[in-house]
């Protein structure tokens, strides 16, 4: 998922990167990846990102 965000030139702050790398639930990771390929921002990808 981080690769998809990088290729799409969507900035990922350190706190968000840590959250992504710490996530272990496959369903959540899959949902985030699906969003990452079409989202305009990181907020559209991660649930509850403020």
N, C-alpha and C. Protein backbone atom coordinates (compact mmCIF):
# COMPACT_ATOMS: atom_id res chain seq x y z
N UNK A 1 0.81 -1.18 0.00
CA UNK A 1 0.00 0.00 0.00
C UNK A 1 0.86 1.25 0.00
N UNK A 2 1.93 1.26 0.75
CA UNK A 2 2.82 2.42 0.75
C UNK A 2 3.37 2.68 -0.65
N UNK A 3 3.61 1.63 -1.39
CA UNK A 3 4.10 1.79 -2.77
C UNK A 3 3.04 2.47 -3.63
N UNK A 4 1.79 2.06 -3.49
CA UNK A 4 0.72 2.69 -4.27
C UNK A 4 0.61 4.17 -3.93
N UNK A 5 0.71 4.51 -2.67
CA UNK A 5 0.64 5.92 -2.27
C UNK A 5 1.84 6.70 -2.81
N UNK A 6 3.02 6.09 -2.77
CA UNK A 6 4.22 6.75 -3.28
C UNK A 6 4.10 7.01 -4.78
N UNK A 7 3.67 6.02 -5.53
CA UNK A 7 3.53 6.15 -6.98
C UNK A 7 2.50 7.21 -7.33
N UNK A 8 1.47 7.32 -6.51
CA UNK A 8 0.42 8.31 -6.74
C UNK A 8 0.79 9.67 -6.18
N UNK A 9 1.97 9.79 -5.60
CA UNK A 9 2.51 11.03 -5.03
C UNK A 9 1.59 11.57 -3.93
N UNK A 10 1.18 10.66 -3.06
CA UNK A 10 0.39 11.03 -1.89
C UNK A 10 1.32 10.95 -0.68
N UNK A 11 1.52 12.07 -0.04
CA UNK A 11 2.43 12.14 1.11
C UNK A 11 1.91 11.29 2.27
N UNK A 12 2.83 10.61 2.92
CA UNK A 12 2.49 9.78 4.07
C UNK A 12 3.37 10.22 5.24
N UNK A 13 2.80 10.98 6.17
CA UNK A 13 3.58 11.40 7.35
C UNK A 13 4.03 10.19 8.17
N UNK A 14 5.05 10.39 8.98
CA UNK A 14 5.60 9.28 9.78
C UNK A 14 4.54 8.59 10.64
N UNK A 15 3.64 9.36 11.25
CA UNK A 15 2.63 8.73 12.11
C UNK A 15 1.70 7.83 11.31
N UNK A 16 1.34 8.25 10.11
CA UNK A 16 0.48 7.42 9.26
C UNK A 16 1.24 6.19 8.78
N UNK A 17 2.51 6.37 8.42
CA UNK A 17 3.34 5.24 7.99
C UNK A 17 3.44 4.21 9.11
N UNK A 18 3.65 4.65 10.33
CA UNK A 18 3.72 3.73 11.47
C UNK A 18 2.40 3.00 11.66
N UNK A 19 1.29 3.71 11.51
CA UNK A 19 -0.03 3.09 11.64
C UNK A 19 -0.22 2.01 10.57
N UNK A 20 0.17 2.31 9.34
CA UNK A 20 0.03 1.35 8.25
C UNK A 20 0.88 0.12 8.52
N UNK A 21 2.13 0.33 8.88
CA UNK A 21 3.04 -0.79 9.12
C UNK A 21 2.65 -1.63 10.33
N UNK A 22 1.96 -1.03 11.29
CA UNK A 22 1.54 -1.75 12.49
C UNK A 22 0.26 -2.55 12.29
N UNK A 23 -0.49 -2.24 11.24
CA UNK A 23 -1.77 -2.91 11.01
C UNK A 23 -1.53 -4.37 10.62
N UNK A 24 -2.22 -5.28 11.28
CA UNK A 24 -2.05 -6.71 11.02
C UNK A 24 -3.30 -7.37 10.43
N UNK A 25 -4.43 -6.67 10.46
CA UNK A 25 -5.67 -7.26 9.97
C UNK A 25 -5.68 -7.26 8.43
N UNK A 26 -5.72 -8.43 7.81
CA UNK A 26 -5.68 -8.50 6.34
C UNK A 26 -6.85 -7.77 5.66
N UNK A 27 -8.03 -7.81 6.26
CA UNK A 27 -9.18 -7.13 5.66
C UNK A 27 -8.99 -5.62 5.65
N UNK A 28 -8.47 -5.08 6.72
CA UNK A 28 -8.20 -3.64 6.79
C UNK A 28 -7.14 -3.26 5.77
N UNK A 29 -6.07 -4.03 5.70
CA UNK A 29 -5.00 -3.74 4.75
C UNK A 29 -5.51 -3.80 3.31
N UNK A 30 -6.34 -4.76 3.01
CA UNK A 30 -6.91 -4.87 1.66
C UNK A 30 -7.81 -3.68 1.35
N UNK A 31 -8.63 -3.27 2.30
CA UNK A 31 -9.51 -2.11 2.12
C UNK A 31 -8.68 -0.86 1.86
N UNK A 32 -7.63 -0.67 2.65
CA UNK A 32 -6.76 0.49 2.46
C UNK A 32 -6.09 0.47 1.10
N UNK A 33 -5.62 -0.71 0.66
CA UNK A 33 -4.97 -0.81 -0.64
C UNK A 33 -5.95 -0.47 -1.76
N UNK A 34 -7.17 -0.99 -1.67
CA UNK A 34 -8.18 -0.67 -2.68
C UNK A 34 -8.42 0.83 -2.75
N UNK A 35 -8.49 1.47 -1.61
CA UNK A 35 -8.69 2.92 -1.58
C UNK A 35 -7.46 3.67 -2.09
N UNK A 36 -6.27 3.16 -1.78
CA UNK A 36 -5.03 3.85 -2.14
C UNK A 36 -4.88 4.02 -3.65
N UNK A 37 -5.41 3.09 -4.41
CA UNK A 37 -5.24 3.17 -5.86
C UNK A 37 -6.18 4.17 -6.52
N UNK A 38 -7.18 4.66 -5.78
CA UNK A 38 -8.13 5.62 -6.37
C UNK A 38 -8.27 6.92 -5.58
N UNK A 39 -7.76 6.97 -4.38
CA UNK A 39 -7.96 8.13 -3.50
C UNK A 39 -7.16 9.34 -3.96
N UNK A 40 -7.67 10.50 -3.62
CA UNK A 40 -6.97 11.75 -3.92
C UNK A 40 -6.12 12.20 -2.74
N UNK A 41 -6.34 11.60 -1.56
CA UNK A 41 -5.60 12.01 -0.38
C UNK A 41 -5.48 10.83 0.58
N UNK A 42 -4.56 10.95 1.52
CA UNK A 42 -4.38 9.93 2.53
C UNK A 42 -5.63 9.80 3.40
N UNK A 43 -6.29 10.90 3.66
CA UNK A 43 -7.50 10.88 4.48
C UNK A 43 -8.58 10.00 3.86
N UNK A 44 -8.60 9.89 2.54
CA UNK A 44 -9.58 9.03 1.87
C UNK A 44 -9.23 7.56 1.99
N UNK A 45 -7.99 7.27 2.35
CA UNK A 45 -7.52 5.88 2.43
C UNK A 45 -7.72 5.31 3.83
N UNK A 46 -7.23 6.02 4.83
CA UNK A 46 -7.22 5.48 6.19
C UNK A 46 -8.51 5.84 6.94
N UNK A 47 -9.07 4.86 7.57
CA UNK A 47 -10.26 5.06 8.39
C UNK A 47 -9.96 5.98 9.55
N UNK A 48 -10.76 6.99 9.75
CA UNK A 48 -10.65 7.81 10.93
C UNK A 48 -9.43 8.69 10.99
N UNK A 49 -8.78 8.95 9.86
CA UNK A 49 -7.63 9.84 9.87
C UNK A 49 -8.12 11.27 10.00
N UNK A 50 -7.59 11.97 10.99
CA UNK A 50 -8.03 13.36 11.17
C UNK A 50 -7.04 14.32 10.60
